[in-house]
């Protein structure tokens, strides 16, 4: 099986998106996780979930300026570029 570039867009179920993104790396795929939509509520941020991302070498990103302190803030143009150059896009 060849390596795929997979983009996971987290629109509402953020923690599920974290689990899916980390799980996809097990098969050797390159995964990018971008948070969209509303910021994560403070009480929903579980360090164990984000340890999964570290272990999977995924740096979470966002286009939401309100989430820019927690995650790498990217421009909309970078999101568009990633959409165009991904083999698969998963919306969660």
Protein backbone atom coordinates (compact mmCIF):
# COMPACT_ATOMS: atom_id res chain seq x y z
CA UNK A 1 0.00 0.00 0.00
CA UNK A 2 1.41 3.39 -0.97
CA UNK A 3 1.62 6.33 1.39
CA UNK A 4 -1.28 8.77 1.06
CA UNK A 5 -1.55 12.41 2.04
CA UNK A 6 -4.64 12.66 4.22
CA UNK A 7 -6.17 15.89 5.48
CA UNK A 8 -8.43 15.67 8.53
CA UNK A 9 -10.69 18.71 8.97
CA UNK A 10 -12.10 19.02 12.46
CA UNK A 11 -15.33 21.00 12.28
CA UNK A 12 -17.20 20.00 15.43
CA UNK A 13 -16.09 16.67 16.92
CA UNK A 14 -12.57 17.80 17.73
CA UNK A 15 -11.49 14.96 20.01
CA UNK A 16 -12.77 12.36 17.55
CA UNK A 17 -10.76 14.10 14.82
CA UNK A 18 -7.64 13.82 17.00
CA UNK A 19 -8.18 10.08 17.42
CA UNK A 20 -8.86 9.55 13.70
CA UNK A 21 -5.82 11.56 12.63
CA UNK A 22 -3.50 9.69 14.99
CA UNK A 23 -4.94 6.34 13.94
CA UNK A 24 -4.36 7.01 10.25
CA UNK A 25 -0.63 7.37 10.81
CA UNK A 26 -0.42 3.73 11.88
CA UNK A 27 -0.78 2.70 8.23
CA UNK A 28 2.15 4.96 7.30
CA UNK A 29 0.11 7.80 5.82
CA UNK A 30 1.06 11.46 6.10
CA UNK A 31 -1.72 13.17 8.05
CA UNK A 32 -2.46 16.83 8.54
CA UNK A 33 -5.05 17.93 11.13
CA UNK A 34 -6.69 21.35 10.80
CA UNK A 35 -9.23 22.62 13.33
CA UNK A 36 -12.09 24.66 11.90
CA UNK A 37 -15.20 26.02 13.58
CA UNK A 38 -15.57 27.00 17.20
CA UNK A 39 -12.67 26.75 19.65
CA UNK A 40 -12.39 23.73 21.89
CA UNK A 41 -14.01 24.28 25.28
CA UNK A 42 -11.41 24.47 28.05
CA UNK A 43 -12.88 21.48 29.87
CA UNK A 44 -12.68 19.27 26.76
CA UNK A 45 -8.93 19.53 26.29
CA UNK A 46 -7.47 16.27 27.53
CA UNK A 47 -3.66 16.16 27.44
CA UNK A 48 -3.76 12.42 26.65
CA UNK A 49 -5.50 13.10 23.34
CA UNK A 50 -2.85 15.57 22.31
CA UNK A 51 -0.09 13.18 23.36
CA UNK A 52 -1.45 10.93 20.60
CA UNK A 53 -0.70 13.69 18.12
CA UNK A 54 2.83 14.14 19.43
CA UNK A 55 3.49 10.41 19.18
CA UNK A 56 2.09 10.48 15.63
CA UNK A 57 4.19 13.50 14.59
CA UNK A 58 1.08 15.56 13.83
CA UNK A 59 1.19 19.27 14.56
CA UNK A 60 -2.41 20.47 14.88
CA UNK A 61 -3.23 23.62 12.95
CA UNK A 62 -6.17 26.01 12.76
CA UNK A 63 -7.57 28.86 10.71
CA UNK A 64 -9.50 30.15 13.72
CA UNK A 65 -7.62 33.05 15.30
CA UNK A 66 -9.22 32.27 18.67
CA UNK A 67 -7.39 28.92 18.65
CA UNK A 68 -4.07 30.41 17.55
CA UNK A 69 -2.54 30.18 21.02
CA UNK A 70 -3.04 26.42 21.26
CA UNK A 71 -2.35 25.47 17.64
CA UNK A 72 -0.34 26.69 14.69
CA UNK A 73 -2.39 29.40 12.97
CA UNK A 74 -2.50 29.11 9.17
CA UNK A 75 -3.97 31.32 6.47
CA UNK A 76 -6.98 30.30 4.39
CA UNK A 77 -4.73 30.07 1.34
CA UNK A 78 -2.67 27.35 3.07
CA UNK A 79 -5.87 25.44 3.83
CA UNK A 80 -6.87 25.66 0.16
CA UNK A 81 -3.42 24.44 -0.91
CA UNK A 82 -3.69 21.48 1.44
CA UNK A 83 -7.17 20.63 0.12
CA UNK A 84 -5.86 20.66 -3.44
CA UNK A 85 -2.81 18.51 -2.71
CA UNK A 86 -4.31 15.85 -0.42
CA UNK A 87 -5.17 12.38 -1.67
CA UNK A 88 -8.08 12.17 0.77
CA UNK A 89 -9.99 14.66 2.91
CA UNK A 90 -11.94 13.59 6.00
CA UNK A 91 -14.46 15.99 7.57
CA UNK A 92 -15.33 15.37 11.19
